[in-house]
Amino acid sequence: MTRSSYVLATDSCCDLPRELVEELGLVVLEFPFTLDGEQHFDDLGTSMPPATFYAHMRNGSAPTTAQVPMSRYLDAFRSAAVDGMPLLFLSFSSGLSGTYDAAVLARQTVLAEHPDADIRVVDTLAASAHQGLLVLEAARRRDDGAPIAQLEAWVLGNTQRLNAYFTIDSLAALRRGGRVSDWAAVAGTMLDVKPILRVNGEGELVIERPVRGRKRSLRALADIFAKRAVDSASSTVVVAHADAEDDAAALVALLRERAEICQVLTFDIGPVIGSHTGPGMVAAVFWGPERES
């Protein structure tokens, strides 16, 4: 099957740039978020640029997120079924959200209405740029002619090989989300702790280790990359950031010092993950050994 013979879909937590999404012909279901009492939909920065979103957070706003509405799944899945188009949906991690479960329920609902429809839902166990790179590689394989069943099998067989490590600038957002205690957040701020976090094999965010100071945290990300990256000379690496363009550029330079890299894509982290990590997050996503638990 070619690109025109099946639909490749995901949700806006993928954080891929809007221009790239349009170029790849992806269907993207938008997450809602609430900022200063007003609901918005994450349209990949079209109506609210990332810098504007993070400026609100820096000024004290505490945005919240919710799941993609069930109606959005049903509309997308029904549209494909009515058109006789198979659909492969790559979902935000079940370890961080109920999004995958909602997509599975929507699939079951549409299949009850259209028993002959071909709708496939895959849990990427990934988020943000981590999810985005997996979707990007899937789209490239689709465009190379991979049938939908082959592409589904490739995603299932490779999601654990995609490594994601990141650092945050402040523990405040993690404290608000209950991931660190009030005491730990205060102590960490006093000691200038910039923790390194990762996405584990269950698709959950876990703290890898604390690092003191921003420059050290960026070097720690580069050291992890040097140790774990596989085939970087022939694959794409993503560096993503939450309104931290200079630090992202510094990390790219550090990665290139440590290994030959075929391509580095740099893009913004959107409101779905950014609401929970805060401005200043910088992430490195790359292919490597299977993720640790």
Protein backbone atom coordinates (compact mmCIF):
# COMPACT_ATOMS: atom_id res chain seq x y z
CA MET A 1 0.00 0.00 0.00
CA THR A 2 1.17 3.55 -0.73
CA ARG A 3 0.58 6.70 1.29
CA SER A 4 -2.79 7.22 -0.43
CA SER A 5 -4.04 3.72 0.37
CA TYR A 6 -4.07 4.00 4.18
CA VAL A 7 -4.20 6.66 6.86
CA LEU A 8 -1.36 7.21 9.33
CA ALA A 9 -2.61 9.06 12.39
CA THR A 10 -1.34 10.15 15.79
CA ASP A 11 -2.13 12.75 18.46
CA SER A 12 -0.70 16.19 19.07
CA CYS A 13 1.57 14.98 21.87
CA CYS A 14 3.92 13.98 19.04
CA ASP A 15 5.02 17.65 18.95
CA LEU A 16 6.10 17.40 15.32
CA PRO A 17 6.24 20.79 13.58
CA ARG A 18 3.01 21.65 11.76
CA GLU A 19 4.81 22.04 8.42
CA LEU A 20 6.29 18.55 8.73
CA VAL A 21 2.91 17.04 9.66
CA GLU A 22 1.38 18.58 6.54
CA GLU A 23 4.29 17.47 4.38
CA LEU A 24 3.92 13.90 5.65
CA GLY A 25 0.14 13.89 5.24
CA LEU A 26 -0.52 12.81 8.84
CA VAL A 27 -3.85 12.97 10.64
CA VAL A 28 -3.26 14.50 14.09
CA LEU A 29 -5.89 14.48 16.86
CA GLU A 30 -5.56 17.50 19.11
CA PHE A 31 -5.27 17.43 22.90
CA PRO A 32 -7.14 20.12 24.85
CA PHE A 33 -5.40 22.21 27.49
CA THR A 34 -6.61 24.91 29.83
CA LEU A 35 -4.55 28.05 30.38
CA ASP A 36 -5.67 30.84 32.71
CA GLY A 37 -9.20 29.45 32.75
CA GLU A 38 -9.55 29.28 28.96
CA GLN A 39 -9.60 26.03 26.98
CA HIS A 40 -7.43 25.65 23.90
CA PHE A 41 -6.57 22.79 21.58
CA ASP A 42 -2.98 21.83 20.87
CA ASP A 43 -2.74 22.53 17.15
CA LEU A 44 1.05 22.21 17.15
CA GLY A 45 1.68 25.87 17.81
CA THR A 46 -0.51 27.33 15.07
CA SER A 47 -2.86 29.36 17.27
CA MET A 48 -0.52 29.72 20.27
CA PRO A 49 3.21 29.67 19.59
CA PRO A 50 5.23 27.71 22.15
CA ALA A 51 7.05 30.86 23.29
CA THR A 52 3.71 32.45 24.19
CA PHE A 53 2.59 29.35 26.10
CA TYR A 54 5.79 29.18 28.12
CA ALA A 55 5.76 32.93 28.78
CA HIS A 56 2.45 32.36 30.59
CA MET A 57 4.06 29.62 32.67
CA ARG A 58 7.05 31.80 33.51
CA ASN A 59 4.58 34.44 34.71
CA GLY A 60 2.92 31.99 37.09
CA SER A 61 0.23 30.25 35.02
CA ALA A 62 -0.36 26.58 35.81
CA PRO A 63 -1.93 25.01 32.71
CA THR A 64 -3.72 21.69 32.83
CA THR A 65 -4.32 19.08 30.15
CA ALA A 66 -7.06 16.60 29.37
CA GLN A 67 -7.45 13.63 27.05
CA VAL A 68 -8.34 13.95 23.39
CA PRO A 69 -12.17 13.99 23.31
CA MET A 70 -13.72 10.66 22.36
CA SER A 71 -15.59 12.40 19.54
CA ARG A 72 -12.27 13.21 17.82
CA TYR A 73 -11.29 9.54 17.73
CA LEU A 74 -14.70 8.47 16.53
CA ASP A 75 -14.76 11.09 13.77
CA ALA A 76 -11.30 10.13 12.48
CA PHE A 77 -11.89 6.38 12.67
CA ARG A 78 -15.37 6.60 11.13
CA SER A 79 -14.11 8.80 8.31
CA ALA A 80 -11.49 6.21 7.37
CA ALA A 81 -14.01 3.38 7.64
CA VAL A 82 -16.58 5.13 5.46
CA ASP A 83 -13.91 5.91 2.86
CA GLY A 84 -12.75 2.29 2.89
CA MET A 85 -9.29 3.38 4.04
CA PRO A 86 -7.29 1.32 6.55
CA LEU A 87 -5.96 3.42 9.44
CA LEU A 88 -2.99 3.01 11.75
CA PHE A 89 -3.11 5.19 14.89
CA LEU A 90 0.08 5.69 16.94
CA SER A 91 -0.95 6.74 20.42
CA PHE A 92 0.63 8.74 23.25
CA SER A 93 2.02 6.44 25.96
CA SER A 94 -0.44 4.47 28.09
CA GLY A 95 2.07 4.94 30.93
CA LEU A 96 1.28 8.65 31.06
CA SER A 97 -2.33 8.96 29.94
CA GLY A 98 -5.58 7.13 29.28
CA THR A 99 -5.32 8.18 25.64
CA TYR A 100 -4.47 4.72 24.34
CA ASP A 101 -7.41 3.14 26.17
CA ALA A 102 -9.74 5.77 24.70
CA ALA A 103 -8.44 5.06 21.19
CA VAL A 104 -8.99 1.31 21.69
CA LEU A 105 -12.56 1.97 22.85
CA ALA A 106 -13.21 4.21 19.84
CA ARG A 107 -11.86 1.48 17.56
CA GLN A 108 -14.20 -1.08 19.08
CA THR A 109 -17.15 1.30 18.65
CA VAL A 110 -16.41 1.97 14.99
CA LEU A 111 -15.75 -1.69 14.20
CA ALA A 112 -19.17 -2.53 15.65
CA GLU A 113 -20.64 -0.13 13.09
CA HIS A 114 -18.29 -1.07 10.24
CA PRO A 115 -17.18 -4.68 10.77
CA ASP A 116 -15.06 -4.71 7.61
CA ALA A 117 -13.03 -1.64 8.59
CA ASP A 118 -9.28 -1.99 9.17
CA ILE A 119 -8.40 0.18 12.18
CA ARG A 120 -5.19 -0.49 14.10
CA VAL A 121 -4.15 1.22 17.35
CA VAL A 122 -0.59 1.00 18.68
CA ASP A 123 0.65 2.21 22.07
CA THR A 124 3.96 3.94 21.32
CA LEU A 125 4.93 3.99 25.03
CA ALA A 126 6.39 7.38 24.10
CA ALA A 127 5.59 11.07 24.41
CA SER A 128 6.50 14.39 22.84
CA ALA A 129 9.64 14.27 20.66
CA HIS A 130 10.03 10.61 21.59
CA GLN A 131 6.65 9.85 20.04
CA GLY A 132 7.34 12.30 17.23
CA LEU A 133 10.50 10.57 16.04
CA LEU A 134 8.72 7.21 15.99
CA VAL A 135 5.87 8.70 13.95
CA LEU A 136 8.35 10.36 11.59
CA GLU A 137 10.21 7.10 10.94
CA ALA A 138 6.89 5.29 10.45
CA ALA A 139 5.84 7.89 7.87
CA ARG A 140 9.12 7.47 6.02
CA ARG A 141 8.58 3.72 5.82
CA ARG A 142 5.00 4.21 4.67
CA ASP A 143 6.29 6.46 1.88
CA ASP A 144 8.83 3.80 0.93
CA GLY A 145 5.90 1.49 0.26
CA ALA A 146 5.49 -0.46 3.50
CA PRO A 147 2.03 -2.10 3.70
CA ILE A 148 0.02 -1.21 6.78
CA ALA A 149 0.52 -4.61 8.45
CA GLN A 150 4.27 -4.42 7.89
CA LEU A 151 4.40 -0.89 9.27
CA GLU A 152 2.39 -1.86 12.34
CA ALA A 153 4.79 -4.74 12.99
CA TRP A 154 7.79 -2.43 12.55
CA VAL A 155 6.43 0.06 15.10
CA LEU A 156 5.67 -2.67 17.62
CA GLY A 157 9.13 -4.15 17.13
CA ASN A 158 11.06 -0.91 17.42
CA THR A 159 9.36 1.36 19.94
CA GLN A 160 11.55 0.02 22.78
CA ARG A 161 14.70 0.89 20.81
CA LEU A 162 13.85 4.56 20.85
CA ASN A 163 15.59 6.23 23.82
CA ALA A 164 14.46 9.52 25.35
CA TYR A 165 16.37 11.42 28.02
CA PHE A 166 15.75 14.97 29.16
CA THR A 167 16.51 17.57 31.77
CA ILE A 168 14.28 20.23 33.29
CA ASP A 169 15.11 23.69 34.54
CA SER A 170 12.87 23.69 37.62
CA LEU A 171 11.32 21.09 39.90
CA ALA A 172 8.20 23.22 40.39
CA ALA A 173 6.11 21.53 37.68
CA LEU A 174 7.10 18.04 38.86
CA ARG A 175 6.18 19.04 42.42
CA ARG A 176 2.79 20.32 41.25
CA GLY A 177 2.19 17.02 39.46
CA GLY A 178 3.14 15.00 42.53
CA ARG A 179 6.27 13.46 41.02
CA VAL A 180 8.54 14.98 43.68
CA SER A 181 7.74 16.07 47.23
CA ASP A 182 7.57 19.69 48.36
CA TRP A 183 10.70 19.13 50.43
CA ALA A 184 12.61 17.64 47.50
CA ALA A 185 11.58 20.52 45.25
CA VAL A 186 12.74 23.14 47.74
CA ALA A 187 16.00 21.32 48.44
CA GLY A 188 16.60 20.77 44.73
CA THR A 189 16.07 24.45 43.98
CA MET A 190 18.49 25.49 46.73
CA LEU A 191 21.13 23.08 45.38
CA ASP A 192 20.50 24.03 41.73
CA VAL A 193 19.53 20.45 40.87
CA LYS A 194 18.62 19.84 37.23
CA PRO A 195 17.52 16.20 37.20
CA ILE A 196 17.97 13.88 34.25
CA LEU A 197 14.77 12.00 33.47
CA ARG A 198 13.92 9.29 30.94
CA VAL A 199 11.00 7.38 29.52
CA ASN A 200 11.21 3.78 30.74
CA GLY A 201 10.10 0.56 29.07
CA GLU A 202 6.56 0.98 30.40
CA GLY A 203 6.30 4.44 28.87
CA GLU A 204 6.53 6.25 32.21
CA LEU A 205 8.67 9.22 33.21
CA VAL A 206 11.30 8.31 35.80
CA ILE A 207 14.14 10.26 37.35
CA GLU A 208 17.47 8.86 36.15
CA ARG A 209 19.70 10.87 38.46
CA PRO A 210 20.15 14.39 39.87
CA VAL A 211 22.73 16.73 38.35
CA ARG A 212 23.75 20.10 39.74
CA GLY A 213 23.79 22.96 37.27
CA ARG A 214 22.43 23.48 33.78
CA LYS A 215 25.68 23.02 31.87
CA ARG A 216 26.39 19.79 33.70
CA SER A 217 22.91 18.49 32.93
CA LEU A 218 23.40 19.13 29.20
CA ARG A 219 26.77 17.38 29.32
CA ALA A 220 25.12 14.48 31.16
CA LEU A 221 22.60 14.13 28.30
CA ALA A 222 25.45 14.12 25.80
CA ASP A 223 27.32 11.49 27.83
CA ILE A 224 24.25 9.25 27.89
CA PHE A 225 23.89 9.69 24.15
CA ALA A 226 27.53 8.76 23.58
CA LYS A 227 27.07 5.61 25.66
CA ARG A 228 23.68 4.46 24.32
CA ALA A 229 23.20 5.78 20.78
CA VAL A 230 23.28 3.20 17.98
CA ASP A 231 23.72 3.93 14.26
CA SER A 232 23.54 7.70 14.76
CA ALA A 233 25.63 8.16 11.60
CA SER A 234 22.74 6.76 9.55
CA SER A 235 19.68 7.79 11.56
CA THR A 236 17.84 10.86 12.81
CA VAL A 237 18.34 12.31 16.28
CA VAL A 238 15.86 14.77 17.79
CA VAL A 239 16.68 17.55 20.22
CA ALA A 240 13.53 19.19 21.54
CA HIS A 241 13.08 22.06 23.96
CA ALA A 242 10.50 24.01 25.95
CA ASP A 243 11.43 27.61 25.14
CA ALA A 244 15.15 26.88 25.59
CA GLU A 245 16.52 27.39 22.11
CA ASP A 246 20.05 28.32 23.16
CA ASP A 247 20.39 25.29 25.42
CA ALA A 248 19.03 23.04 22.66
CA ALA A 249 21.66 24.41 20.28
CA ALA A 250 24.34 23.80 22.91
CA LEU A 251 23.15 20.20 23.30
CA VAL A 252 23.25 19.64 19.54
CA ALA A 253 26.87 20.80 19.53
CA LEU A 254 27.72 18.46 22.41
CA LEU A 255 26.09 15.50 20.66
CA ARG A 256 28.02 16.20 17.46
CA GLU A 257 31.25 16.32 19.46
CA ARG A 258 30.61 12.82 20.75
CA ALA A 259 29.41 11.00 17.64
CA GLU A 260 28.81 11.28 13.93
CA ILE A 261 25.15 12.06 13.33
CA CYS A 262 23.26 11.76 10.08
CA GLN A 263 20.55 14.32 10.88
CA VAL A 264 19.50 16.34 13.90
CA LEU A 265 15.98 17.73 14.02
CA THR A 266 15.27 20.43 16.59
CA PHE A 267 11.72 21.36 17.49
CA ASP A 268 9.50 22.66 20.27
CA ILE A 269 7.88 20.73 23.09
CA GLY A 270 4.20 21.53 23.14
CA PRO A 271 1.69 22.11 25.93
CA VAL A 272 0.77 18.46 26.62
CA ILE A 273 4.15 17.58 28.13
CA GLY A 274 5.25 21.17 28.73
CA SER A 275 2.40 21.71 31.21
CA HIS A 276 3.93 18.99 33.40
CA THR A 277 7.63 19.77 32.98
CA GLY A 278 7.63 23.55 32.70
CA PRO A 279 9.72 25.84 30.50
CA GLY A 280 13.39 25.05 30.07
CA MET A 281 13.07 21.33 29.38
CA VAL A 282 15.61 19.98 26.88
CA ALA A 283 15.39 16.45 25.47
CA ALA A 284 17.53 14.13 23.36
CA VAL A 285 15.81 11.28 21.48
CA PHE A 286 17.80 8.67 19.60
CA TRP A 287 17.98 5.02 18.57
CA GLY A 288 19.78 2.71 20.96
CA PRO A 289 19.43 -0.49 22.99
CA GLU A 290 16.04 -1.36 24.44
CA ARG A 291 14.87 0.97 27.17
CA GLU A 292 15.40 0.04 30.78
CA SER A 293 12.48 -0.55 33.14
